[in-house]
PDB file of N, CA and C in Angstrom:
ATOM      1  N   MET A   1       0.854  -1.170   0.000  1.00  0.00           N
ATOM      2  CA  MET A   1       0.000   0.000   0.000  1.00  0.00           C
ATOM      3  C   MET A   1       0.900   1.234   0.000  1.00  0.00           C
ATOM      4  N   SER A   2       0.525   2.210  -0.832  1.00  0.00           N
ATOM      5  CA  SER A   2       1.336   3.422  -0.910  1.00  0.00           C
ATOM      6  C   SER A   2       1.019   4.338   0.266  1.00  0.00           C
ATOM      7  N   PRO A   3       1.939   5.212   0.637  1.00  0.00           N
ATOM      8  CA  PRO A   3       1.724   6.086   1.795  1.00  0.00           C
ATOM      9  C   PRO A   3       0.610   7.116   1.585  1.00  0.00           C
ATOM     10  N   THR A   4       0.211   7.393   0.342  1.00  0.00           N
ATOM     11  CA  THR A   4      -0.833   8.398   0.097  1.00  0.00           C
ATOM     12  C   THR A   4      -2.238   7.808   0.092  1.00  0.00           C
ATOM     13  N   THR A   5      -2.373   6.501   0.157  1.00  0.00           N
ATOM     14  CA  THR A   5      -3.689   5.860   0.144  1.00  0.00           C
ATOM     15  C   THR A   5      -4.327   5.984   1.526  1.00  0.00           C
ATOM     16  N   LYS A   6      -5.571   6.470   1.527  1.00  0.00           N
ATOM     17  CA  LYS A   6      -6.283   6.621   2.801  1.00  0.00           C
ATOM     18  C   LYS A   6      -7.250   5.465   2.957  1.00  0.00           C
ATOM     19  N   ARG A   7      -7.282   4.892   4.126  1.00  0.00           N
ATOM     20  CA  ARG A   7      -8.217   3.810   4.412  1.00  0.00           C
ATOM     21  C   ARG A   7      -9.361   4.377   5.238  1.00  0.00           C
ATOM     22  N   PHE A   8     -10.567   3.970   4.881  1.00  0.00           N
ATOM     23  CA  PHE A   8     -11.742   4.417   5.625  1.00  0.00           C
ATOM     24  C   PHE A   8     -11.935   3.549   6.855  1.00  0.00           C
ATOM     25  N   SER A   9     -12.301   4.184   7.925  1.00  0.00           N
ATOM     26  CA  SER A   9     -12.583   3.430   9.140  1.00  0.00           C
ATOM     27  C   SER A   9     -13.963   2.793   9.027  1.00  0.00           C
ATOM     28  N   ALA A  10     -14.253   1.891   9.921  1.00  0.00           N
ATOM     29  CA  ALA A  10     -15.549   1.209   9.912  1.00  0.00           C
ATOM     30  C   ALA A  10     -16.689   2.185  10.151  1.00  0.00           C
ATOM     31  N   VAL A  11     -16.467   3.208  10.962  1.00  0.00           N
ATOM     32  CA  VAL A  11     -17.510   4.202  11.239  1.00  0.00           C
ATOM     33  C   VAL A  11     -17.810   5.013   9.989  1.00  0.00           C
ATOM     34  N   GLU A  12     -16.773   5.432   9.272  1.00  0.00           N
ATOM     35  CA  GLU A  12     -16.987   6.197   8.043  1.00  0.00           C
ATOM     36  C   GLU A  12     -17.692   5.356   6.993  1.00  0.00           C
ATOM     37  N   ALA A  13     -17.322   4.096   6.899  1.00  0.00           N
ATOM     38  CA  ALA A  13     -17.941   3.191   5.931  1.00  0.00           C
ATOM     39  C   ALA A  13     -19.413   2.957   6.253  1.00  0.00           C
ATOM     40  N   PHE A  14     -19.779   3.003   7.512  1.00  0.00           N
ATOM     41  CA  PHE A  14     -21.172   2.826   7.919  1.00  0.00           C
ATOM     42  C   PHE A  14     -21.962   4.123   7.775  1.00  0.00           C
ATOM     43  N   LEU A  15     -21.328   5.248   8.050  1.00  0.00           N
ATOM     44  CA  LEU A  15     -22.003   6.538   8.014  1.00  0.00           C
ATOM     45  C   LEU A  15     -22.376   6.977   6.608  1.00  0.00           C
ATOM     46  N   PHE A  16     -21.525   6.724   5.638  1.00  0.00           N
ATOM     47  CA  PHE A  16     -21.781   7.171   4.276  1.00  0.00           C
ATOM     48  C   PHE A  16     -23.108   6.633   3.712  1.00  0.00           C
ATOM     49  N   PRO A  17     -23.358   5.317   3.739  1.00  0.00           N
ATOM     50  CA  PRO A  17     -24.659   4.831   3.251  1.00  0.00           C
ATOM     51  C   PRO A  17     -25.834   5.345   4.083  1.00  0.00           C
ATOM     52  N   LEU A  18     -25.611   5.533   5.368  1.00  0.00           N
ATOM     53  CA  LEU A  18     -26.671   6.046   6.229  1.00  0.00           C
ATOM     54  C   LEU A  18     -27.058   7.471   5.831  1.00  0.00           C
ATOM     55  N   VAL A  19     -26.079   8.295   5.535  1.00  0.00           N
ATOM     56  CA  VAL A  19     -26.338   9.665   5.090  1.00  0.00           C
ATOM     57  C   VAL A  19     -27.045   9.659   3.734  1.00  0.00           C
ATOM     58  N   LEU A  20     -26.643   8.782   2.835  1.00  0.00           N
ATOM     59  CA  LEU A  20     -27.306   8.681   1.533  1.00  0.00           C
ATOM     60  C   LEU A  20     -28.770   8.271   1.686  1.00  0.00           C
ATOM     61  N   LEU A  21     -29.054   7.320   2.555  1.00  0.00           N
ATOM     62  CA  LEU A  21     -30.439   6.907   2.796  1.00  0.00           C
ATOM     63  C   LEU A  21     -31.268   8.051   3.378  1.00  0.00           C
ATOM     64  N   LEU A  22     -30.677   8.811   4.284  1.00  0.00           N
ATOM     65  CA  LEU A  22     -31.372   9.945   4.874  1.00  0.00           C
ATOM     66  C   LEU A  22     -31.691  11.005   3.818  1.00  0.00           C
ATOM     67  N   LEU A  23     -30.736  11.304   2.966  1.00  0.00           N
ATOM     68  CA  LEU A  23     -30.972  12.268   1.881  1.00  0.00           C
ATOM     69  C   LEU A  23     -32.055  11.760   0.929  1.00  0.00           C
ATOM     70  N   PHE A  24     -32.005  10.489   0.598  1.00  0.00           N
ATOM     71  CA  PHE A  24     -33.011   9.893  -0.273  1.00  0.00           C
ATOM     72  C   PHE A  24     -34.405  10.056   0.325  1.00  0.00           C
ATOM     73  N   TYR A  25     -34.535   9.812   1.617  1.00  0.00           N
ATOM     74  CA  TYR A  25     -35.820   9.950   2.290  1.00  0.00           C
ATOM     75  C   TYR A  25     -36.296  11.399   2.281  1.00  0.00           C
ATOM     76  N   VAL A  26     -35.418  12.321   2.637  1.00  0.00           N
ATOM     77  CA  VAL A  26     -35.800  13.727   2.758  1.00  0.00           C
ATOM     78  C   VAL A  26     -36.139  14.338   1.393  1.00  0.00           C
ATOM     79  N   LEU A  27     -35.391  13.977   0.361  1.00  0.00           N
ATOM     80  CA  LEU A  27     -35.581  14.607  -0.941  1.00  0.00           C
ATOM     81  C   LEU A  27     -36.618  13.927  -1.825  1.00  0.00           C
ATOM     82  N   LEU A  28     -36.866  12.639  -1.631  1.00  0.00           N
ATOM     83  CA  LEU A  28     -37.782  11.937  -2.524  1.00  0.00           C
ATOM     84  C   LEU A  28     -39.018  11.368  -1.848  1.00  0.00           C
ATOM     85  N   ILE A  29     -38.829  10.636  -0.782  1.00  0.00           N
ATOM     86  CA  ILE A  29     -39.954   9.914  -0.183  1.00  0.00           C
ATOM     87  C   ILE A  29     -40.895  10.849   0.564  1.00  0.00           C
ATOM     88  N   ARG A  30     -40.375  11.722   1.402  1.00  0.00           N
ATOM     89  CA  ARG A  30     -41.217  12.609   2.215  1.00  0.00           C
ATOM     90  C   ARG A  30     -42.077  13.545   1.364  1.00  0.00           C
ATOM     91  N   PRO A  31     -41.530  14.200   0.331  1.00  0.00           N
ATOM     92  CA  PRO A  31     -42.398  15.044  -0.505  1.00  0.00           C
ATOM     93  C   PRO A  31     -43.506  14.247  -1.211  1.00  0.00           C
ATOM     94  N   ALA A  32     -43.200  13.027  -1.632  1.00  0.00           N
ATOM     95  CA  ALA A  32     -44.221  12.195  -2.272  1.00  0.00           C
ATOM     96  C   ALA A  32     -45.331  11.842  -1.280  1.00  0.00           C
ATOM     97  N   GLN A  33     -44.972  11.581  -0.038  1.00  0.00           N
ATOM     98  CA  GLN A  33     -45.983  11.290   0.976  1.00  0.00           C
ATOM     99  C   GLN A  33     -46.864  12.502   1.233  1.00  0.00           C
ATOM    100  N   ARG A  34     -46.278  13.683   1.249  1.00  0.00           N
ATOM    101  CA  ARG A  34     -47.070  14.909   1.454  1.00  0.00           C
ATOM    102  C   ARG A  34     -48.044  15.128   0.304  1.00  0.00           C
ATOM    103  N   ARG A  35     -47.581  14.925  -0.942  1.00  0.00           N
ATOM    104  CA  ARG A  35     -48.469  15.090  -2.093  1.00  0.00           C
ATOM    105  C   ARG A  35     -49.612  14.092  -2.038  1.00  0.00           C
ATOM    106  N   GLN A  36     -49.309  12.851  -1.658  1.00  0.00           N
ATOM    107  CA  GLN A  36     -50.335  11.821  -1.578  1.00  0.00           C
ATOM    108  C   GLN A  36     -51.364  12.160  -0.499  1.00  0.00           C
ATOM    109  N   LYS A  37     -50.908  12.655   0.644  1.00  0.00           N
ATOM    110  CA  LYS A  37     -51.815  13.027   1.720  1.00  0.00           C
ATOM    111  C   LYS A  37     -52.708  14.195   1.293  1.00  0.00           C
ATOM    112  N   ALA A  38     -52.141  15.163   0.592  1.00  0.00           N
ATOM    113  CA  ALA A  38     -52.928  16.301   0.102  1.00  0.00           C
ATOM    114  C   ALA A  38     -53.981  15.832  -0.900  1.00  0.00           C
ATOM    115  N   GLN A  39     -53.634  14.877  -1.755  1.00  0.00           N
ATOM    116  CA  GLN A  39     -54.585  14.357  -2.736  1.00  0.00           C
ATOM    117  C   GLN A  39     -55.725  13.616  -2.044  1.00  0.00           C
ATOM    118  N   VAL A  40     -55.418  12.842  -1.016  1.00  0.00           N
ATOM    119  CA  VAL A  40     -56.454  12.130  -0.255  1.00  0.00           C
ATOM    120  C   VAL A  40     -57.380  13.131   0.428  1.00  0.00           C
ATOM    121  N   ASN A  41     -56.818  14.181   1.012  1.00  0.00           N
ATOM    122  CA  ASN A  41     -57.644  15.220   1.642  1.00  0.00           C
ATOM    123  C   ASN A  41     -58.543  15.904   0.629  1.00  0.00           C
ATOM    124  N   LEU A  42     -58.022  16.173  -0.563  1.00  0.00           N
ATOM    125  CA  LEU A  42     -58.823  16.798  -1.618  1.00  0.00           C
ATOM    126  C   LEU A  42     -59.974  15.886  -2.016  1.00  0.00           C
ATOM    127  N   GLN A  43     -59.692  14.602  -2.232  1.00  0.00           N
ATOM    128  CA  GLN A  43     -60.735  13.662  -2.645  1.00  0.00           C
ATOM    129  C   GLN A  43     -61.839  13.538  -1.601  1.00  0.00           C
ATOM    130  N   SER A  44     -61.484  13.610  -0.340  1.00  0.00           N
ATOM    131  CA  SER A  44     -62.493  13.470   0.706  1.00  0.00           C
ATOM    132  C   SER A  44     -63.300  14.751   0.912  1.00  0.00           C
ATOM    133  N   SER A  45     -62.815  15.880   0.400  1.00  0.00           N
ATOM    134  CA  SER A  45     -63.523  17.147   0.604  1.00  0.00           C
ATOM    135  C   SER A  45     -64.327  17.590  -0.620  1.00  0.00           C
ATOM    136  N   LEU A  46     -64.485  16.724  -1.616  1.00  0.00           N
ATOM    137  CA  LEU A  46     -65.262  17.087  -2.802  1.00  0.00           C
ATOM    138  C   LEU A  46     -66.752  17.173  -2.464  1.00  0.00           C
ATOM    139  N   VAL A  47     -67.375  18.281  -2.850  1.00  0.00           N
ATOM    140  CA  VAL A  47     -68.814  18.464  -2.658  1.00  0.00           C
ATOM    141  C   VAL A  47     -69.411  19.048  -3.930  1.00  0.00           C
ATOM    142  N   ALA A  48     -70.657  18.678  -4.188  1.00  0.00           N
ATOM    143  CA  ALA A  48     -71.351  19.180  -5.381  1.00  0.00           C
ATOM    144  C   ALA A  48     -71.480  20.697  -5.305  1.00  0.00           C
ATOM    145  N   GLY A  49     -71.334  21.335  -6.450  1.00  0.00           N
ATOM    146  CA  GLY A  49     -71.456  22.788  -6.527  1.00  0.00           C
ATOM    147  C   GLY A  49     -70.122  23.516  -6.525  1.00  0.00           C
ATOM    148  N   ARG A  50     -69.035  22.847  -6.197  1.00  0.00           N
ATOM    149  CA  ARG A  50     -67.713  23.484  -6.160  1.00  0.00           C
ATOM    150  C   ARG A  50     -67.088  23.522  -7.546  1.00  0.00           C
ATOM    151  N   GLN A  51     -66.373  24.586  -7.816  1.00  0.00           N
ATOM    152  CA  GLN A  51     -65.610  24.710  -9.056  1.00  0.00           C
ATOM    153  C   GLN A  51     -64.327  23.899  -8.900  1.00  0.00           C
ATOM    154  N   VAL A  52     -63.978  23.109  -9.927  1.00  0.00           N
ATOM    155  CA  VAL A  52     -62.780  22.283  -9.867  1.00  0.00           C
ATOM    156  C   VAL A  52     -61.983  22.389 -11.158  1.00  0.00           C
ATOM    157  N   MET A  53     -60.724  22.016 -11.071  1.00  0.00           N
ATOM    158  CA  MET A  53     -59.900  21.853 -12.253  1.00  0.00           C
ATOM    159  C   MET A  53     -59.485  20.392 -12.305  1.00  0.00           C
ATOM    160  N   LEU A  54     -59.669  19.766 -13.455  1.00  0.00           N
ATOM    161  CA  LEU A  54     -59.286  18.373 -13.628  1.00  0.00           C
ATOM    162  C   LEU A  54     -57.809  18.278 -13.999  1.00  0.00           C
ATOM    163  N   THR A  55     -57.243  17.092 -13.908  1.00  0.00           N
ATOM    164  CA  THR A  55     -55.832  16.913 -14.233  1.00  0.00           C
ATOM    165  C   THR A  55     -55.536  17.227 -15.693  1.00  0.00           C
ATOM    166  N   SER A  56     -56.545  17.202 -16.545  1.00  0.00           N
ATOM    167  CA  SER A  56     -56.369  17.529 -17.961  1.00  0.00           C
ATOM    168  C   SER A  56     -56.398  19.031 -18.208  1.00  0.00           C
ATOM    169  N   GLY A  57     -56.692  19.816 -17.166  1.00  0.00           N
ATOM    170  CA  GLY A  57     -56.757  21.263 -17.310  1.00  0.00           C
ATOM    171  C   GLY A  57     -58.154  21.787 -17.586  1.00  0.00           C
ATOM    172  N   VAL A  58     -59.141  20.912 -17.625  1.00  0.00           N
ATOM    173  CA  VAL A  58     -60.526  21.308 -17.866  1.00  0.00           C
ATOM    174  C   VAL A  58     -61.127  21.832 -16.562  1.00  0.00           C
ATOM    175  N   PHE A  59     -61.818  22.977 -16.649  1.00  0.00           N
ATOM    176  CA  PHE A  59     -62.491  23.552 -15.487  1.00  0.00           C
ATOM    177  C   PHE A  59     -63.971  23.231 -15.569  1.00  0.00           C
ATOM    178  N   GLY A  60     -64.581  23.029 -14.404  1.00  0.00           N
ATOM    179  CA  GLY A  60     -66.001  22.740 -14.382  1.00  0.00           C
ATOM    180  C   GLY A  60     -66.548  22.796 -12.969  1.00  0.00           C
ATOM    181  N   THR A  61     -67.840  22.457 -12.845  1.00  0.00           N
ATOM    182  CA  THR A  61     -68.537  22.467 -11.567  1.00  0.00           C
ATOM    183  C   THR A  61     -68.961  21.047 -11.234  1.00  0.00           C
ATOM    184  N   LEU A  62     -68.653  20.611 -10.023  1.00  0.00           N
ATOM    185  CA  LEU A  62     -69.079  19.274  -9.599  1.00  0.00           C
ATOM    186  C   LEU A  62     -70.594  19.245  -9.469  1.00  0.00           C
ATOM    187  N   THR A  63     -71.217  18.224 -10.069  1.00  0.00           N
ATOM    188  CA  THR A  63     -72.668  18.102  -9.967  1.00  0.00           C
ATOM    189  C   THR A  63     -73.079  16.897  -9.126  1.00  0.00           C
ATOM    190  N   ASP A  64     -72.252  15.830  -9.133  1.00  0.00           N
ATOM    191  CA  ASP A  64     -72.579  14.639  -8.351  1.00  0.00           C
ATOM    192  C   ASP A  64     -71.284  13.977  -7.898  1.00  0.00           C
ATOM    193  N   VAL A  65     -71.169  13.743  -6.602  1.00  0.00           N
ATOM    194  CA  VAL A  65     -69.984  13.081  -6.052  1.00  0.00           C
ATOM    195  C   VAL A  65     -70.386  11.922  -5.141  1.00  0.00           C
ATOM    196  N   SER A  66     -71.572  11.348  -5.381  1.00  0.00           N
ATOM    197  CA  SER A  66     -72.065  10.279  -4.509  1.00  0.00           C
ATOM    198  C   SER A  66     -71.338   8.958  -4.732  1.00  0.00           C
ATOM    199  N   ASP A  67     -70.818   8.714  -5.921  1.00  0.00           N
ATOM    200  CA  ASP A  67     -70.070   7.486  -6.204  1.00  0.00           C
ATOM    201  C   ASP A  67     -68.658   7.620  -5.635  1.00  0.00           C
ATOM    202  N   PRO A  68     -68.164   6.589  -4.941  1.00  0.00           N
ATOM    203  CA  PRO A  68     -66.823   6.705  -4.341  1.00  0.00           C
ATOM    204  C   PRO A  68     -65.680   6.735  -5.361  1.00  0.00           C
ATOM    205  N   ASP A  69     -65.943   6.303  -6.602  1.00  0.00           N
ATOM    206  CA  ASP A  69     -64.887   6.260  -7.611  1.00  0.00           C
ATOM    207  C   ASP A  69     -65.047   7.292  -8.726  1.00  0.00           C
ATOM    208  N   ARG A  70     -66.243   7.851  -8.867  1.00  0.00           N
ATOM    209  CA  ARG A  70     -66.517   8.755  -9.994  1.00  0.00           C
ATOM    210  C   ARG A  70     -67.157  10.052  -9.529  1.00  0.00           C
ATOM    211  N   ALA A  71     -67.030  11.070 -10.374  1.00  0.00           N
ATOM    212  CA  ALA A  71     -67.674  12.353 -10.108  1.00  0.00           C
ATOM    213  C   ALA A  71     -68.228  12.882 -11.422  1.00  0.00           C
ATOM    214  N   SER A  72     -69.332  13.599 -11.355  1.00  0.00           N
ATOM    215  CA  SER A  72     -69.908  14.235 -12.532  1.00  0.00           C
ATOM    216  C   SER A  72     -69.535  15.707 -12.506  1.00  0.00           C
ATOM    217  N   VAL A  73     -69.038  16.190 -13.646  1.00  0.00           N
ATOM    218  CA  VAL A  73     -68.568  17.564 -13.743  1.00  0.00           C
ATOM    219  C   VAL A  73     -69.245  18.240 -14.923  1.00  0.00           C
ATOM    220  N   GLU A  74     -69.861  19.401 -14.656  1.00  0.00           N
ATOM    221  CA  GLU A  74     -70.472  20.187 -15.727  1.00  0.00           C
ATOM    222  C   GLU A  74     -69.396  21.132 -16.261  1.00  0.00           C
ATOM    223  N   ILE A  75     -69.012  20.916 -17.538  1.00  0.00           N
ATOM    224  CA  ILE A  75     -67.934  21.709 -18.114  1.00  0.00           C
ATOM    225  C   ILE A  75     -68.462  22.857 -18.980  1.00  0.00           C
ATOM    226  N   ALA A  76     -69.729  22.819 -19.315  1.00  0.00           N
ATOM    227  CA  ALA A  76     -70.410  23.886 -20.052  1.00  0.00           C
ATOM    228  C   ALA A  76     -71.887  23.747 -19.717  1.00  0.00           C
ATOM    229  N   PRO A  77     -72.675  24.795 -19.911  1.00  0.00           N
ATOM    230  CA  PRO A  77     -74.103  24.675 -19.591  1.00  0.00           C
ATOM    231  C   PRO A  77     -74.746  23.490 -20.323  1.00  0.00           C
ATOM    232  N   GLY A  78     -75.233  22.536 -19.552  1.00  0.00           N
ATOM    233  CA  GLY A  78     -75.888  21.363 -20.112  1.00  0.00           C
ATOM    234  C   GLY A  78     -74.943  20.240 -20.510  1.00  0.00           C
ATOM    235  N   VAL A  79     -73.642  20.425 -20.388  1.00  0.00           N
ATOM    236  CA  VAL A  79     -72.668  19.388 -20.762  1.00  0.00           C
ATOM    237  C   VAL A  79     -72.038  18.833 -19.490  1.00  0.00           C
ATOM    238  N   VAL A  80     -72.423  17.604 -19.140  1.00  0.00           N
ATOM    239  CA  VAL A  80     -71.930  16.962 -17.928  1.00  0.00           C
ATOM    240  C   VAL A  80     -71.118  15.742 -18.329  1.00  0.00           C
ATOM    241  N   ILE A  81     -69.904  15.648 -17.805  1.00  0.00           N
ATOM    242  CA  ILE A  81     -69.068  14.480 -18.062  1.00  0.00           C
ATOM    243  C   ILE A  81     -68.833  13.744 -16.749  1.00  0.00           C
ATOM    244  N   GLU A  82     -68.581  12.443 -16.871  1.00  0.00           N
ATOM    245  CA  GLU A  82     -68.295  11.641 -15.694  1.00  0.00           C
ATOM    246  C   GLU A  82     -66.805  11.311 -15.719  1.00  0.00           C
ATOM    247  N   VAL A  83     -66.126  11.617 -14.624  1.00  0.00           N
ATOM    248  CA  VAL A  83     -64.679  11.405 -14.544  1.00  0.00           C
ATOM    249  C   VAL A  83     -64.351  10.621 -13.283  1.00  0.00           C
ATOM    250  N   ALA A  84     -63.167  10.057 -13.250  1.00  0.00           N
ATOM    251  CA  ALA A  84     -62.680   9.418 -12.027  1.00  0.00           C
ATOM    252  C   ALA A  84     -62.438  10.506 -10.991  1.00  0.00           C
ATOM    253  N   ARG A  85     -62.764  10.235  -9.751  1.00  0.00           N
ATOM    254  CA  ARG A  85     -62.539  11.234  -8.690  1.00  0.00           C
ATOM    255  C   ARG A  85     -61.080  11.644  -8.623  1.00  0.00           C
ATOM    256  N   ALA A  86     -60.186  10.720  -8.931  1.00  0.00           N
ATOM    257  CA  ALA A  86     -58.753  11.020  -8.899  1.00  0.00           C
ATOM    258  C   ALA A  86     -58.355  12.028  -9.971  1.00  0.00           C
ATOM    259  N   ALA A  87     -59.225  12.268 -10.959  1.00  0.00           N
ATOM    260  CA  ALA A  87     -58.926  13.228 -12.021  1.00  0.00           C
ATOM    261  C   ALA A  87     -59.127  14.666 -11.560  1.00  0.00           C
ATOM    262  N   VAL A  88     -59.706  14.875 -10.396  1.00  0.00           N
ATOM    263  CA  VAL A  88     -59.875  16.233  -9.867  1.00  0.00           C
ATOM    264  C   VAL A  88     -58.534  16.660  -9.273  1.00  0.00           C
ATOM    265  N   ALA A  89     -57.912  17.649  -9.913  1.00  0.00           N
ATOM    266  CA  ALA A  89     -56.576  18.087  -9.480  1.00  0.00           C
ATOM    267  C   ALA A  89     -56.645  19.119  -8.368  1.00  0.00           C
ATOM    268  N   SER A  90     -57.628  20.032  -8.451  1.00  0.00           N
ATOM    269  CA  SER A  90     -57.734  21.058  -7.421  1.00  0.00           C
ATOM    270  C   SER A  90     -59.130  21.662  -7.421  1.00  0.00           C
ATOM    271  N   MET A  91     -59.473  22.261  -6.282  1.00  0.00           N
ATOM    272  CA  MET A  91     -60.729  22.988  -6.171  1.00  0.00           C
ATOM    273  C   MET A  91     -60.423  24.467  -6.277  1.00  0.00           C
ATOM    274  N   ILE A  92     -61.275  25.169  -7.001  1.00  0.00           N
ATOM    275  CA  ILE A  92     -61.123  26.597  -7.185  1.00  0.00           C
ATOM    276  C   ILE A  92     -61.740  27.294  -5.976  1.00  0.00           C
ATOM    277  N   ASP A  93     -61.220  28.458  -5.613  1.00  0.00           N
ATOM    278  CA  ASP A  93     -61.722  29.193  -4.452  1.00  0.00           C
ATOM    279  C   ASP A  93     -63.217  29.429  -4.552  1.00  0.00           C
ATOM    280  N   GLU A  94     -63.816  29.613  -3.391  1.00  0.00           N
ATOM    281  CA  GLU A  94     -65.254  29.893  -3.316  1.00  0.00           C
ATOM    282  C   GLU A  94     -65.586  31.131  -4.146  1.00  0.00           C
ATOM    283  N   PRO A  95     -66.775  31.177  -4.746  1.00  0.00           N
ATOM    284  CA  PRO A  95     -67.139  32.325  -5.581  1.00  0.00           C
ATOM    285  C   PRO A  95     -67.121  33.658  -4.842  1.00  0.00           C
ATOM    286  N   GLY A  96     -67.392  33.683  -3.548  1.00  0.00           N
ATOM    287  CA  GLY A  96     -67.445  34.936  -2.809  1.00  0.00           C
ATOM    288  C   GLY A  96     -66.093  35.459  -2.382  1.00  0.00           C
ATOM    289  N   ASP A  97     -65.039  34.661  -2.534  1.00  0.00           N
ATOM    290  CA  ASP A  97     -63.713  35.092  -2.105  1.00  0.00           C
ATOM    291  C   ASP A  97     -63.214  36.241  -2.959  1.00  0.00           C
ATOM    292  N   ASP A  98     -62.501  37.172  -2.319  1.00  0.00           N
ATOM    293  CA  ASP A  98     -61.906  38.279  -3.060  1.00  0.00           C
ATOM    294  C   ASP A  98     -60.691  37.773  -3.821  1.00  0.00           C
ATOM    295  N   VAL A  99     -60.569  38.228  -5.046  1.00  0.00           N
ATOM    296  CA  VAL A  99     -59.422  37.872  -5.857  1.00  0.00           C
ATOM    297  C   VAL A  99     -58.498  39.072  -5.901  1.00  0.00           C
ATOM    298  N   ILE A 100     -57.250  38.853  -5.569  1.00  0.00           N
ATOM    299  CA  ILE A 100     -56.277  39.935  -5.593  1.00  0.00           C
ATOM    300  C   ILE A 100     -55.678  39.994  -6.981  1.00  0.00           C
ATOM    301  N   ASP A 101     -55.777  41.153  -7.606  1.00  0.00           N
ATOM    302  CA  ASP A 101     -55.247  41.338  -8.950  1.00  0.00           C
ATOM    303  C   ASP A 101     -54.040  42.252  -8.863  1.00  0.00           C
ATOM    304  N   ASP A 102     -52.855  41.676  -9.005  1.00  0.00           N
ATOM    305  CA  ASP A 102     -51.627  42.458  -8.935  1.00  0.00           C
ATOM    306  C   ASP A 102     -51.210  43.009 -10.286  1.00  0.00           C
ATOM    307  N   ALA A 103     -51.905  42.649 -11.336  1.00  0.00           N
ATOM    308  CA  ALA A 103     -51.518  43.122 -12.660  1.00  0.00           C
ATOM    309  C   ALA A 103     -51.822  44.613 -12.779  1.00  0.00           C
ATOM    310  N   PRO A 104     -50.920  45.379 -13.388  1.00  0.00           N
ATOM    311  CA  PRO A 104     -51.172  46.815 -13.541  1.00  0.00           C
ATOM    312  C   PRO A 104     -52.304  47.067 -14.534  1.00  0.00           C
ATOM    313  N   ALA A 105     -53.061  48.103 -14.278  1.00  0.00           N
ATOM    314  CA  ALA A 105     -54.129  48.478 -15.200  1.00  0.00           C
ATOM    315  C   ALA A 105     -53.503  48.978 -16.502  1.00  0.00           C
ATOM    316  N   ALA A 106     -54.300  49.001 -17.572  1.00  0.00           N
ATOM    317  CA  ALA A 106     -53.779  49.390 -18.881  1.00  0.00           C
ATOM    318  C   ALA A 106     -53.256  50.821 -18.889  1.00  0.00           C
ATOM    319  N   ASP A 107     -53.850  51.708 -18.072  1.00  0.00           N
ATOM    320  CA  ASP A 107     -53.414  53.095 -18.088  1.00  0.00           C
ATOM    321  C   ASP A 107     -52.328  53.397 -17.047  1.00  0.00           C
ATOM    322  N   ASP A 108     -51.896  52.389 -16.272  1.00  0.00           N
ATOM    323  CA  ASP A 108     -50.821  52.601 -15.308  1.00  0.00           C
ATOM    324  C   ASP A 108     -49.490  52.718 -16.046  1.00  0.00           C
ATOM    325  N   LYS A 109     -48.653  53.644 -15.575  1.00  0.00           N
ATOM    326  CA  LYS A 109     -47.343  53.819 -16.174  1.00  0.00           C
ATOM    327  C   LYS A 109     -46.372  52.857 -15.503  1.00  0.00           C
ATOM    328  N   VAL A 110     -45.675  52.087 -16.295  1.00  0.00           N
ATOM    329  CA  VAL A 110     -44.697  51.147 -15.776  1.00  0.00           C
ATOM    330  C   VAL A 110     -43.318  51.769 -15.933  1.00  0.00           C
ATOM    331  N   VAL A 111     -42.588  51.884 -14.812  1.00  0.00           N
ATOM    332  CA  VAL A 111     -41.261  52.475 -14.828  1.00  0.00           C
ATOM    333  C   VAL A 111     -40.245  51.341 -14.925  1.00  0.00           C
ATOM    334  N   LEU A 112     -39.497  51.339 -16.020  1.00  0.00           N
ATOM    335  CA  LEU A 112     -38.508  50.308 -16.211  1.00  0.00           C
ATOM    336  C   LEU A 112     -37.129  50.733 -15.722  1.00  0.00           C
ATOM    337  N   ASP A 113     -36.868  52.030 -15.747  1.00  0.00           N
ATOM    338  CA  ASP A 113     -35.553  52.528 -15.360  1.00  0.00           C
ATOM    339  C   ASP A 113     -35.758  53.766 -14.522  1.00  0.00           C
ATOM    340  N   LYS A 114     -35.139  53.846 -13.360  1.00  0.00           N
ATOM    341  CA  LYS A 114     -35.347  54.966 -12.460  1.00  0.00           C
ATOM    342  C   LYS A 114     -34.468  56.162 -12.777  1.00  0.00           C
ATOM    343  N   ARG A 115     -33.583  56.049 -13.764  1.00  0.00           N
ATOM    344  CA  ARG A 115     -32.750  57.185 -14.143  1.00  0.00           C
ATOM    345  C   ARG A 115     -33.612  58.259 -14.810  1.00  0.00           C
ATOM    346  N   ASP A 116     -33.154  59.499 -14.741  1.00  0.00           N
ATOM    347  CA  ASP A 116     -33.870  60.585 -15.405  1.00  0.00           C
ATOM    348  C   ASP A 116     -33.945  60.343 -16.887  1.00  0.00           C
ATOM    349  N   ASP A 117     -35.062  60.734 -17.466  1.00  0.00           N
ATOM    350  CA  ASP A 117     -35.229  60.589 -18.910  1.00  0.00           C
ATOM    351  C   ASP A 117     -34.390  61.614 -19.673  1.00  0.00           C
ATOM    352  N   GLU A 118     -33.948  62.672 -18.984  1.00  0.00           N
ATOM    353  CA  GLU A 118     -33.212  63.741 -19.650  1.00  0.00           C
ATOM    354  C   GLU A 118     -31.719  63.413 -19.687  1.00  0.00           C
ATOM    355  N   GLY A 119     -31.125  63.583 -20.807  1.00  0.00           N
ATOM    356  CA  GLY A 119     -29.695  63.526 -20.951  1.00  0.00           C
ATOM    357  C   GLY A 119     -29.033  62.215 -20.586  1.00  0.00           C
ATOM    358  N   VAL A 120     -29.706  61.129 -20.715  1.00  0.00           N
ATOM    359  CA  VAL A 120     -29.087  59.846 -20.379  1.00  0.00           C
ATOM    360  C   VAL A 120     -28.581  59.195 -21.628  1.00  0.00           C
TER     361      VAL A 120
END
């Protein structure tokens, strides 16, 4: 063995895989569990009359959620489709909620540069 070769101790050899497993859990497994729990909570809180967005990006109003596996969604006046409950990606805020609009109005002046317009 050459004098520059470093040998790992038994503790270092045990710690390295342990740290990798911990990182794997924190970065991959835990976030997936949180997403799954949020999806289960969403599925259990579905009620008729709520605005929803499906996983396909279609927006509509829930009309029937009595079946444990399916939901009926009205996507246009008189057009009702039946989808899997798991296809409901999110519920839209209640109609009475205030919507905050941060976009500037058309007549608002947008300042891109704070320097004087004169002589620059």
